[in-house]
C-alpha atoms as a PDB file:
ATOM      1  CA  MET A   1      66.225 -29.686  17.354  1.00  0.00           C
ATOM      2  CA  LEU A   2      66.641 -26.828  14.893  1.00  0.00           C
ATOM      3  CA  ILE A   3      70.109 -25.400  14.372  1.00  0.00           C
ATOM      4  CA  PRO A   4      70.516 -21.843  13.044  1.00  0.00           C
ATOM      5  CA  TYR A   5      72.800 -22.022  10.021  1.00  0.00           C
ATOM      6  CA  GLN A   6      74.768 -19.031  11.356  1.00  0.00           C
ATOM      7  CA  MET A   7      76.021 -21.200  14.238  1.00  0.00           C
ATOM      8  CA  LEU A   8      77.908 -23.510  11.881  1.00  0.00           C
ATOM      9  CA  GLU A   9      81.457 -22.909  10.760  1.00  0.00           C
ATOM     10  CA  PRO A  10      81.467 -21.876   7.076  1.00  0.00           C
ATOM     11  CA  ALA A  11      83.292 -25.056   6.005  1.00  0.00           C
ATOM     12  CA  THR A  12      80.829 -27.221   7.934  1.00  0.00           C
ATOM     13  CA  LEU A  13      77.859 -25.464   6.356  1.00  0.00           C
ATOM     14  CA  ASP A  14      79.398 -25.828   2.902  1.00  0.00           C
ATOM     15  CA  ALA A  15      79.929 -29.563   3.465  1.00  0.00           C
ATOM     16  CA  LEU A  16      76.351 -29.978   4.712  1.00  0.00           C
ATOM     17  CA  LEU A  17      74.919 -28.164   1.700  1.00  0.00           C
ATOM     18  CA  GLU A  18      77.096 -30.092  -0.760  1.00  0.00           C
ATOM     19  CA  ASP A  19      76.085 -33.381   0.848  1.00  0.00           C
ATOM     20  CA  PHE A  20      72.415 -32.423   0.638  1.00  0.00           C
ATOM     21  CA  VAL A  21      72.404 -31.372  -3.014  1.00  0.00           C
ATOM     22  CA  THR A  22      74.310 -34.474  -4.136  1.00  0.00           C
ATOM     23  CA  ARG A  23      72.077 -37.038  -2.422  1.00  0.00           C
ATOM     24  CA  ASP A  24      69.940 -39.366  -4.472  1.00  0.00           C
ATOM     25  CA  GLY A  25      66.526 -37.866  -5.094  1.00  0.00           C
ATOM     26  CA  THR A  26      67.673 -34.235  -4.937  1.00  0.00           C
ATOM     27  CA  ASP A  27      68.246 -33.821  -8.669  1.00  0.00           C
ATOM     28  CA  ASN A  28      66.222 -30.814  -9.785  1.00  0.00           C
ATOM     29  CA  GLY A  29      65.939 -32.028 -13.369  1.00  0.00           C
ATOM     30  CA  PHE A  30      68.279 -29.334 -14.652  1.00  0.00           C
ATOM     31  CA  ASP A  31      71.949 -29.588 -15.491  1.00  0.00           C
ATOM     32  CA  ASP A  32      72.963 -27.076 -12.811  1.00  0.00           C
ATOM     33  CA  SER A  33      76.493 -27.063 -11.440  1.00  0.00           C
ATOM     34  CA  LEU A  34      77.201 -28.118  -7.872  1.00  0.00           C
ATOM     35  CA  GLU A  35      78.011 -24.514  -6.977  1.00  0.00           C
ATOM     36  CA  ARG A  36      74.686 -23.278  -8.355  1.00  0.00           C
ATOM     37  CA  ARG A  37      72.705 -25.957  -6.501  1.00  0.00           C
ATOM     38  CA  VAL A  38      74.533 -25.174  -3.234  1.00  0.00           C
ATOM     39  CA  ALA A  39      73.920 -21.441  -3.713  1.00  0.00           C
ATOM     40  CA  GLN A  40      70.209 -22.061  -4.275  1.00  0.00           C
ATOM     41  CA  VAL A  41      69.852 -24.053  -1.047  1.00  0.00           C
ATOM     42  CA  ARG A  42      71.963 -21.472   0.822  1.00  0.00           C
ATOM     43  CA  ARG A  43      69.541 -18.717  -0.281  1.00  0.00           C
ATOM     44  CA  MET A  44      66.643 -20.842   0.949  1.00  0.00           C
ATOM     45  CA  LEU A  45      68.382 -21.170   4.337  1.00  0.00           C
ATOM     46  CA  GLU A  46      68.979 -17.427   4.500  1.00  0.00           C
ATOM     47  CA  LYS A  47      65.303 -16.742   3.726  1.00  0.00           C
ATOM     48  CA  GLY A  48      64.173 -19.257   6.363  1.00  0.00           C
ATOM     49  CA  GLU A  49      62.466 -21.477   3.788  1.00  0.00           C
ATOM     50  CA  VAL A  50      64.759 -24.406   4.654  1.00  0.00           C
ATOM     51  CA  LEU A  51      66.001 -25.218   8.158  1.00  0.00           C
ATOM     52  CA  ILE A  52      68.740 -27.414   9.596  1.00  0.00           C
ATOM     53  CA  VAL A  53      67.384 -30.213  11.781  1.00  0.00           C
ATOM     54  CA  PHE A  54      69.603 -32.106  14.230  1.00  0.00           C
ATOM     55  CA  HIS A  55      68.274 -35.476  15.393  1.00  0.00           C
ATOM     56  CA  PRO A  56      69.823 -36.030  18.848  1.00  0.00           C
ATOM     57  CA  ASP A  57      68.823 -39.703  19.027  1.00  0.00           C
ATOM     58  CA  THR A  58      70.825 -40.602  15.923  1.00  0.00           C
ATOM     59  CA  GLY A  59      73.260 -37.698  15.611  1.00  0.00           C
ATOM     60  CA  ASP A  60      72.051 -37.115  12.061  1.00  0.00           C
ATOM     61  CA  VAL A  61      71.640 -33.686  10.514  1.00  0.00           C
ATOM     62  CA  SER A  62      69.198 -32.944   7.710  1.00  0.00           C
ATOM     63  CA  LEU A  63      67.629 -30.048   5.877  1.00  0.00           C
ATOM     64  CA  ALA A  64      63.860 -29.643   5.804  1.00  0.00           C
ATOM     65  CA  HIS A  65      61.422 -27.172   4.312  1.00  0.00           C
ATOM     66  CA  ARG A  66      59.890 -24.927   6.945  1.00  0.00           C
ATOM     67  CA  HIS A  67      56.379 -26.162   6.131  1.00  0.00           C
ATOM     68  CA  SER A  68      57.377 -29.725   7.067  1.00  0.00           C
ATOM     69  CA  ILE A  69      58.644 -28.752  10.539  1.00  0.00           C
ATOM     70  CA  PRO A  70      56.133 -29.241  13.377  1.00  0.00           C
ATOM     71  CA  ALA A  71      54.796 -25.922  14.688  1.00  0.00           C
ATOM     72  CA  ASP A  72      55.881 -26.671  18.261  1.00  0.00           C
ATOM     73  CA  MET A  73      59.467 -27.229  17.108  1.00  0.00           C
ATOM     74  CA  LEU A  74      59.420 -23.867  15.282  1.00  0.00           C
ATOM     75  CA  ARG A  75      58.068 -22.119  18.390  1.00  0.00           C
ATOM     76  CA  ASP A  76      60.672 -23.713  20.644  1.00  0.00           C
ATOM     77  CA  ALA A  77      63.505 -22.668  18.338  1.00  0.00           C
ATOM     78  CA  GLU A  78      62.204 -19.102  17.865  1.00  0.00           C
ATOM     79  CA  LEU A  79      63.601 -18.943  14.316  1.00  0.00           C
END
């Protein structure tokens, strides 16, 4: 299930973005600050390049690039 980022409380969105950019494997190879990395992902969300995915079976939330989301899920969400 796709969740529009605008539906999240600002503090919740901030926590989600900070969690995402500090996970193992998300290092961009540059010595960017946490704030800069969060801002970059936030811009990607605002442009629709990255989407928030909620997995109801596990209760997990993740971020995914639009191109990795199945077309039927995008249609159903009408994002």
